[in-house]
Amino acid sequence: MDRRRILQGAAVCAAAAFLPASVRAVAASTGETDYPQASWAPASPSNYTEAERPSSRPVDLVVLHVTQATFGDTVGIFANPAKKVSAHYVVRSADGYITQCVREKDIGWHAGSWEYNTRSIGIEHEGWVDQPAYFTHTMYERSARLTAHVCERHGIPKDRAHIIGHHQVPGSDHTDPGSNWDWERFMRLVNRV
């Protein structure tokens, strides 16, 4: 085992301490993630649709969200079969730690629109739209790397027509990621990767 794998394992173990016990139990069933820097904490199968994307449906969008909850609570919500909601990834505010909850091949229930869910990858960001302190430099950097990776894997252009906010989904009543999200900065970081 190389040094990098050992360090990654240690980081995952340390990060797990920030999750509630119920989420840690679910996260214990580890698996390979689509993004190598992510940990795996699966959403309940009741909260997403199994698919074989992109062969069954093309993926041409990334939808950015803000959780309106803490990182641990969000991962716990996705693991709760009664909630009927999930996103592919959750990014923690303080350190940019990333957890994958739904495989990219599957359809997360995050956009509030079946059409947009079927064609997108959803990325949640810990925080509240009216509290810009949650949008840390590290969160922007790590989320931008994740977004660039998703775009490269699926052939999605790295532009605002294909990387959108939840508020841009037709029919959505959501405002996230909100007016405090720095789109110019984020897109510059995505395109720098």
Protein backbone atom coordinates (compact mmCIF):
# COMPACT_ATOMS: atom_id res chain seq x y z
CA MET A 1 0.00 0.00 0.00
CA ASP A 2 1.47 3.35 -0.98
CA ARG A 3 1.76 6.39 1.27
CA ARG A 4 -0.99 8.31 -0.55
CA ARG A 5 -3.56 5.54 0.07
CA ILE A 6 -2.59 5.44 3.76
CA LEU A 7 -3.01 9.22 4.06
CA GLN A 8 -6.34 9.13 2.21
CA GLY A 9 -7.57 6.39 4.54
CA ALA A 10 -6.52 8.40 7.58
CA ALA A 11 -8.32 11.48 6.24
CA VAL A 12 -11.50 9.51 5.66
CA CYS A 13 -11.36 8.08 9.19
CA ALA A 14 -10.79 11.52 10.69
CA ALA A 15 -13.63 13.05 8.67
CA ALA A 16 -16.00 10.29 9.74
CA ALA A 17 -15.77 11.56 13.30
CA PHE A 18 -17.80 14.61 12.21
CA LEU A 19 -20.73 12.46 11.05
CA PRO A 20 -23.57 11.27 13.30
CA ALA A 21 -23.42 7.60 14.35
CA SER A 22 -26.34 6.70 12.08
CA VAL A 23 -24.49 8.09 9.06
CA ARG A 24 -21.20 6.43 10.08
CA ALA A 25 -22.96 3.07 10.14
CA VAL A 26 -24.20 3.55 6.58
CA ALA A 27 -20.83 4.90 5.44
CA ALA A 28 -19.12 1.77 6.74
CA SER A 29 -20.29 -0.07 3.64
CA THR A 30 -17.60 1.54 1.51
CA GLY A 31 -17.37 1.34 -2.22
CA GLU A 32 -15.45 2.85 -5.06
CA THR A 33 -16.49 6.39 -5.86
CA ASP A 34 -16.72 8.07 -9.26
CA TYR A 35 -14.52 10.87 -7.96
CA PRO A 36 -11.29 9.52 -6.43
CA GLN A 37 -11.09 12.23 -3.72
CA ALA A 38 -14.60 11.49 -2.40
CA SER A 39 -15.63 9.20 0.41
CA TRP A 40 -18.67 6.94 0.02
CA ALA A 41 -21.81 7.36 2.16
CA PRO A 42 -24.65 5.87 0.12
CA ALA A 43 -28.09 7.40 -0.05
CA SER A 44 -30.99 5.09 0.66
CA PRO A 45 -32.09 3.25 -2.50
CA SER A 46 -35.53 4.78 -1.77
CA ASN A 47 -34.09 8.22 -2.55
CA TYR A 48 -32.77 7.83 -6.11
CA THR A 49 -33.43 5.89 -9.32
CA GLU A 50 -31.05 3.21 -10.50
CA ALA A 51 -29.97 3.76 -14.10
CA GLU A 52 -27.09 3.12 -16.47
CA ARG A 53 -26.17 6.65 -17.45
CA PRO A 54 -24.80 7.82 -19.79
CA SER A 55 -25.75 4.84 -21.99
CA SER A 56 -29.42 4.97 -20.90
CA ARG A 57 -29.65 8.78 -20.70
CA PRO A 58 -27.09 11.47 -21.55
CA VAL A 59 -25.68 13.61 -18.75
CA ASP A 60 -25.21 17.21 -19.89
CA LEU A 61 -25.65 19.34 -16.75
CA VAL A 62 -24.22 19.90 -13.30
CA VAL A 63 -26.69 21.41 -10.83
CA LEU A 64 -25.23 23.24 -7.81
CA HIS A 65 -27.15 23.40 -4.53
CA VAL A 66 -26.74 24.78 -1.02
CA THR A 67 -27.97 22.36 1.64
CA GLN A 68 -29.67 24.73 4.10
CA ALA A 69 -28.33 22.23 6.64
CA THR A 70 -25.05 20.96 8.02
CA PHE A 71 -22.91 18.48 6.13
CA GLY A 72 -23.67 15.64 8.54
CA ASP A 73 -27.39 16.34 8.58
CA THR A 74 -27.47 16.39 4.77
CA VAL A 75 -25.72 13.03 4.44
CA GLY A 76 -28.13 11.68 7.06
CA ILE A 77 -31.15 12.99 5.18
CA PHE A 78 -29.99 11.26 2.00
CA ALA A 79 -29.58 7.99 3.96
CA ASN A 80 -33.11 8.24 5.41
CA PRO A 81 -35.55 6.29 3.17
CA ALA A 82 -38.48 8.48 4.23
CA LYS A 83 -36.94 11.69 2.82
CA LYS A 84 -37.18 10.93 -0.95
CA VAL A 85 -34.27 13.24 -1.82
CA SER A 86 -30.60 12.86 -2.72
CA ALA A 87 -27.73 14.39 -4.63
CA HIS A 88 -24.65 12.74 -6.04
CA TYR A 89 -22.17 14.68 -3.91
CA VAL A 90 -22.02 16.79 -0.74
CA VAL A 91 -19.15 19.26 -0.14
CA ARG A 92 -18.31 20.34 3.42
CA SER A 93 -17.74 24.03 4.07
CA ALA A 94 -14.72 24.18 6.39
CA ASP A 95 -12.35 21.85 4.58
CA GLY A 96 -13.95 20.96 1.24
CA TYR A 97 -14.35 17.30 2.24
CA ILE A 98 -16.46 15.53 -0.40
CA THR A 99 -18.82 12.61 0.09
CA GLN A 100 -20.52 10.78 -2.76
CA CYS A 101 -24.03 9.54 -1.94
CA VAL A 102 -25.35 8.45 -5.37
CA ARG A 103 -23.38 6.91 -8.23
CA GLU A 104 -23.13 9.14 -11.28
CA LYS A 105 -24.73 6.38 -13.37
CA ASP A 106 -27.86 6.65 -11.20
CA ILE A 107 -30.41 9.46 -11.07
CA GLY A 108 -30.32 11.59 -7.93
CA TRP A 109 -33.52 13.30 -6.81
CA HIS A 110 -32.19 16.82 -6.32
CA ALA A 111 -33.47 19.22 -9.00
CA GLY A 112 -37.21 19.02 -8.38
CA SER A 113 -37.69 18.18 -12.07
CA TRP A 114 -37.57 14.63 -13.43
CA GLU A 115 -36.21 15.87 -16.77
CA TYR A 116 -33.37 17.77 -15.09
CA ASN A 117 -32.68 14.94 -12.62
CA THR A 118 -32.25 12.46 -15.49
CA ARG A 119 -29.68 14.61 -17.28
CA SER A 120 -27.66 16.05 -14.40
CA ILE A 121 -25.21 15.45 -11.58
CA GLY A 122 -26.23 17.20 -8.35
CA ILE A 123 -23.63 18.74 -6.04
CA GLU A 124 -24.75 20.00 -2.62
CA HIS A 125 -22.70 22.52 -0.64
CA GLU A 126 -22.95 22.74 3.13
CA GLY A 127 -24.38 26.03 4.30
CA TRP A 128 -27.20 28.50 4.05
CA VAL A 129 -27.82 30.86 1.13
CA ASP A 130 -27.98 33.90 3.43
CA GLN A 131 -24.74 33.06 5.29
CA PRO A 132 -21.85 33.65 2.86
CA ALA A 133 -19.23 32.68 5.46
CA TYR A 134 -20.06 29.06 4.62
CA PHE A 135 -18.71 29.57 1.08
CA THR A 136 -15.06 29.15 1.99
CA HIS A 137 -12.12 29.33 -0.39
CA THR A 138 -11.44 25.64 0.20
CA MET A 139 -15.07 24.73 -0.56
CA TYR A 140 -14.94 26.66 -3.84
CA GLU A 141 -11.63 25.03 -4.83
CA ARG A 142 -12.64 21.46 -4.00
CA SER A 143 -16.08 21.82 -5.54
CA ALA A 144 -14.55 23.33 -8.69
CA ARG A 145 -12.19 20.35 -9.01
CA LEU A 146 -15.10 17.96 -8.56
CA THR A 147 -17.22 19.85 -11.09
CA ALA A 148 -14.38 19.91 -13.64
CA HIS A 149 -13.90 16.15 -13.15
CA VAL A 150 -17.62 15.50 -13.70
CA CYS A 151 -17.60 17.70 -16.81
CA GLU A 152 -14.56 15.92 -18.24
CA ARG A 153 -15.98 12.44 -17.54
CA HIS A 154 -19.29 13.24 -19.22
CA GLY A 155 -18.14 15.65 -21.94
CA ILE A 156 -20.06 18.55 -20.39
CA PRO A 157 -18.90 22.03 -21.46
CA LYS A 158 -17.49 24.03 -18.55
CA ASP A 159 -19.80 27.00 -18.96
CA ARG A 160 -22.81 28.58 -17.24
CA ALA A 161 -25.22 27.02 -19.74
CA HIS A 162 -24.21 23.57 -18.44
CA ILE A 163 -23.20 24.30 -14.84
CA ILE A 164 -26.30 25.80 -13.29
CA GLY A 165 -27.81 26.66 -9.95
CA HIS A 166 -30.87 24.94 -8.54
CA HIS A 167 -32.75 28.21 -9.00
CA GLN A 168 -32.26 27.88 -12.78
CA VAL A 169 -34.22 24.63 -13.06
CA PRO A 170 -37.54 25.47 -14.75
CA GLY A 171 -40.41 25.39 -12.27
CA SER A 172 -38.09 25.42 -9.25
CA ASP A 173 -39.11 27.43 -6.21
CA HIS A 174 -35.58 27.22 -4.78
CA THR A 175 -33.14 30.14 -4.63
CA ASP A 176 -29.92 28.19 -4.08
CA PRO A 177 -27.05 28.57 -4.40
CA GLY A 178 -28.24 32.16 -3.84
CA SER A 179 -26.95 35.65 -4.47
CA ASN A 180 -23.93 35.14 -2.19
CA TRP A 181 -22.55 32.34 -4.39
CA ASP A 182 -19.64 33.80 -6.40
CA TRP A 183 -20.28 32.35 -9.86
CA GLU A 184 -17.46 34.28 -11.52
CA ARG A 185 -14.91 32.95 -9.03
CA PHE A 186 -16.32 29.42 -9.17
CA MET A 187 -16.32 29.22 -12.96
CA ARG A 188 -12.78 30.61 -13.11
CA LEU A 189 -11.68 27.81 -10.76
CA VAL A 190 -13.56 25.14 -12.77
CA ASN A 191 -11.86 26.23 -15.96
CA ARG A 192 -8.44 26.43 -14.32
CA VAL A 193 -8.47 22.69 -13.54
